Amino acid sequence: MENYMDPTVAFWIAQGISVLTGILAIVMMQFKNMKTILLFQIIVNLTASLNYLLLGGDSGAIVSLLAIVQSVVMFIYNTKGKKPHYIVIAAFITCYVDVSLFNIIVSGDPKEILPAMAAVCFSLSLVQSKPSAFRVWGALNPSCWLIYDLFTSSYVMFCVHLGILISSLVAMVRVDGIFKKKNKN
């Protein structure tokens, strides 16, 4: 997508939006309730999409918009106490990969596959019924975004994704107790 805003202004607005995204995402990882996590996912992906759009990261913007749709779908399933059929998840994963492949073909830039890789982890995180399992996939997702952020000059989002990764790991210890010894009695 062509950016009609002054590049310097777009860069700094994107960095500001990234700060908001980071705060929301780091807070989101600490919740114990999947419904709350999914609601935060919608907002986080909206702000992330705006960030990438302003920086010319088309795949990142489109994948983040698709993630909003997927979060809404998952929220509806979660509210009804149901898990989505695997075909629904496969359809989202296919869309993510197709968008990224299309952008690779159009732009000739192989970095455009990174959002799809992150989105696959995101898709797998959303089908988890337990927040602890969500956080495991949630820790894998930012790894792909970290590299993409460097390529798109989204330096604050790099810090955001690093913060999400750290927040996920902290929540795994603090909330999920992954290192607590289990009583054998």
Protein backbone atom coordinates (compact mmCIF):
# COMPACT_ATOMS: atom_id res chain seq x y z
CA MET A 1 0.00 0.00 0.00
CA GLU A 2 1.22 3.46 -0.79
CA ASN A 3 1.59 5.78 2.17
CA TYR A 4 0.24 9.31 1.50
CA MET A 5 1.49 10.75 4.78
CA ASP A 6 4.87 12.35 5.30
CA PRO A 7 7.15 9.38 6.08
CA THR A 8 8.62 11.00 9.17
CA VAL A 9 5.19 11.81 10.58
CA ALA A 10 3.94 8.30 9.75
CA PHE A 11 7.00 6.79 11.43
CA TRP A 12 6.47 8.69 14.69
CA ILE A 13 2.70 8.14 14.77
CA ALA A 14 3.32 4.42 14.24
CA GLN A 15 5.83 4.36 17.09
CA GLY A 16 3.28 6.08 19.36
CA ILE A 17 0.59 3.59 18.43
CA SER A 18 3.08 0.84 19.18
CA VAL A 19 3.47 2.09 22.76
CA LEU A 20 -0.29 1.74 23.27
CA THR A 21 -0.22 -1.69 21.62
CA GLY A 22 2.56 -2.75 23.94
CA ILE A 23 0.82 -1.67 27.10
CA LEU A 24 -2.38 -3.46 26.11
CA ALA A 25 -0.59 -6.63 24.99
CA ILE A 26 1.55 -6.93 28.09
CA VAL A 27 -1.47 -6.42 30.36
CA MET A 28 -3.47 -8.91 28.28
CA MET A 29 -1.02 -11.74 28.92
CA GLN A 30 -1.65 -11.51 32.67
CA PHE A 31 -5.39 -12.28 32.58
CA LYS A 32 -6.73 -15.65 33.69
CA ASN A 33 -9.97 -15.47 31.69
CA MET A 34 -9.97 -16.35 27.95
CA LYS A 35 -12.90 -14.00 27.21
CA THR A 36 -10.94 -11.04 28.56
CA ILE A 37 -7.83 -12.14 26.67
CA LEU A 38 -9.81 -12.38 23.43
CA LEU A 39 -11.34 -8.90 23.89
CA PHE A 40 -7.87 -7.48 24.42
CA GLN A 41 -6.66 -9.37 21.32
CA ILE A 42 -9.15 -7.43 19.20
CA ILE A 43 -7.86 -4.07 20.41
CA VAL A 44 -4.20 -5.10 20.30
CA ASN A 45 -4.50 -6.30 16.71
CA LEU A 46 -6.32 -3.14 15.64
CA THR A 47 -3.53 -0.95 16.95
CA ALA A 48 -0.85 -3.29 15.55
CA SER A 49 -2.50 -3.15 12.14
CA LEU A 50 -2.45 0.66 12.17
CA ASN A 51 1.22 0.59 13.12
CA TYR A 52 2.23 -1.69 10.25
CA LEU A 53 0.01 0.15 7.78
CA LEU A 54 1.76 3.43 8.60
CA LEU A 55 5.18 1.78 8.16
CA GLY A 56 4.39 0.04 4.86
CA GLY A 57 4.32 -3.44 6.40
CA ASP A 58 1.40 -4.65 4.30
CA SER A 59 1.45 -8.29 5.40
CA GLY A 60 1.68 -7.26 9.03
CA ALA A 61 -1.29 -4.92 8.64
CA ILE A 62 -3.47 -7.42 6.80
CA VAL A 63 -2.56 -10.32 9.09
CA SER A 64 -3.42 -8.15 12.11
CA LEU A 65 -6.81 -7.29 10.56
CA LEU A 66 -7.49 -10.99 9.93
CA ALA A 67 -6.50 -11.65 13.55
CA ILE A 68 -9.27 -9.26 14.65
CA VAL A 69 -11.83 -11.31 12.73
CA GLN A 70 -10.43 -14.53 14.16
CA SER A 71 -10.49 -13.12 17.70
CA VAL A 72 -14.15 -12.14 17.29
CA VAL A 73 -15.01 -15.62 15.99
CA MET A 74 -13.11 -17.23 18.86
CA PHE A 75 -14.82 -14.92 21.37
CA ILE A 76 -18.23 -16.04 20.09
CA TYR A 77 -17.26 -19.71 20.38
CA ASN A 78 -15.81 -19.10 23.84
CA THR A 79 -18.95 -17.28 25.00
CA LYS A 80 -21.03 -20.29 23.93
CA GLY A 81 -18.64 -22.65 25.70
CA LYS A 82 -17.72 -24.34 22.43
CA LYS A 83 -14.51 -25.00 20.57
CA PRO A 84 -14.39 -24.12 16.87
CA HIS A 85 -14.20 -26.90 14.33
CA TYR A 86 -10.70 -27.48 13.03
CA ILE A 87 -11.88 -26.40 9.58
CA VAL A 88 -12.46 -22.89 10.95
CA ILE A 89 -8.90 -22.74 12.27
CA ALA A 90 -7.52 -24.22 9.04
CA ALA A 91 -9.42 -21.57 7.04
CA PHE A 92 -7.83 -18.76 9.06
CA ILE A 93 -4.37 -20.28 8.76
CA THR A 94 -4.88 -20.63 5.01
CA CYS A 95 -5.91 -16.97 4.75
CA TYR A 96 -2.85 -15.85 6.69
CA VAL A 97 -0.50 -17.85 4.50
CA ASP A 98 -2.26 -16.78 1.28
CA VAL A 99 -2.03 -13.09 2.20
CA SER A 100 1.66 -13.40 2.96
CA LEU A 101 2.38 -15.42 -0.19
CA PHE A 102 0.50 -12.86 -2.27
CA ASN A 103 2.56 -10.06 -0.74
CA ILE A 104 5.76 -11.99 -1.40
CA ILE A 105 4.79 -12.39 -5.05
CA VAL A 106 3.79 -8.73 -5.41
CA SER A 107 6.69 -7.23 -3.47
CA GLY A 108 9.33 -9.88 -4.09
CA ASP A 109 10.23 -9.58 -0.41
CA PRO A 110 10.53 -12.89 1.49
CA LYS A 111 10.16 -11.16 4.89
CA GLU A 112 6.42 -11.02 4.18
CA ILE A 113 6.12 -14.69 5.26
CA LEU A 114 6.99 -13.78 8.86
CA PRO A 115 3.51 -12.43 9.73
CA ALA A 116 1.99 -15.68 8.45
CA MET A 117 4.31 -17.71 10.64
CA ALA A 118 3.34 -15.56 13.62
CA ALA A 119 -0.33 -15.88 12.69
CA VAL A 120 -0.17 -19.67 12.68
CA CYS A 121 1.06 -19.51 16.29
CA PHE A 122 -1.66 -16.95 17.01
CA SER A 123 -4.33 -19.24 15.52
CA LEU A 124 -3.15 -22.13 17.61
CA SER A 125 -3.12 -19.94 20.73
CA LEU A 126 -6.75 -18.91 20.24
CA VAL A 127 -8.10 -22.46 20.12
CA GLN A 128 -6.76 -23.19 23.56
CA SER A 129 -9.39 -23.46 26.28
CA LYS A 130 -6.90 -22.78 29.06
CA PRO A 131 -5.06 -19.47 29.37
CA SER A 132 -1.90 -21.41 30.30
CA ALA A 133 -1.91 -23.16 26.90
CA PHE A 134 -2.70 -19.82 25.25
CA ARG A 135 0.43 -18.36 26.81
CA VAL A 136 2.67 -21.14 25.45
CA TRP A 137 1.62 -20.34 21.87
CA GLY A 138 1.58 -16.67 22.82
CA ALA A 139 5.27 -16.93 23.64
CA LEU A 140 6.07 -18.39 20.20
CA ASN A 141 4.12 -15.76 18.25
CA PRO A 142 6.33 -12.72 19.04
CA SER A 143 9.47 -14.48 17.85
CA CYS A 144 8.41 -14.10 14.22
CA TRP A 145 7.17 -10.56 14.79
CA LEU A 146 10.51 -9.53 16.33
CA ILE A 147 12.30 -10.16 13.04
CA TYR A 148 9.53 -8.54 10.96
CA ASP A 149 9.60 -5.47 13.22
CA LEU A 150 13.28 -4.94 12.49
CA PHE A 151 12.69 -5.22 8.73
CA THR A 152 9.81 -2.71 8.83
CA SER A 153 11.61 -0.23 11.14
CA SER A 154 8.92 -0.76 13.75
CA TYR A 155 11.31 -0.37 16.63
CA VAL A 156 8.73 0.22 19.31
CA MET A 157 6.76 -2.84 18.11
CA PHE A 158 10.02 -4.77 18.41
CA CYS A 159 10.08 -3.73 22.07
CA VAL A 160 6.37 -4.54 22.32
CA HIS A 161 6.86 -8.05 20.98
CA LEU A 162 9.85 -8.53 23.24
CA GLY A 163 7.66 -7.35 26.13
CA ILE A 164 4.90 -9.77 25.12
CA LEU A 165 7.41 -12.61 25.04
CA ILE A 166 8.73 -11.67 28.49
CA SER A 167 5.20 -11.09 29.84
CA SER A 168 4.15 -14.51 28.57
CA LEU A 169 7.10 -16.15 30.27
CA VAL A 170 6.44 -14.24 33.51
CA ALA A 171 2.75 -15.24 33.42
CA MET A 172 3.73 -18.87 32.85
CA VAL A 173 5.69 -18.72 36.09
CA ARG A 174 3.44 -16.36 38.09
CA VAL A 175 -0.05 -17.41 36.98
CA ASP A 176 0.43 -20.93 35.61
CA GLY A 177 3.12 -22.01 38.09
CA ILE A 178 5.13 -23.95 35.52
CA PHE A 179 8.11 -24.27 37.85
CA LYS A 180 6.15 -25.15 41.00
CA LYS A 181 6.91 -28.58 42.38
CA LYS A 182 3.90 -30.82 42.46
CA ASN A 183 3.05 -32.50 45.75
CA LYS A 184 3.24 -36.27 45.53
CA ASN A 185 1.04 -36.69 48.60
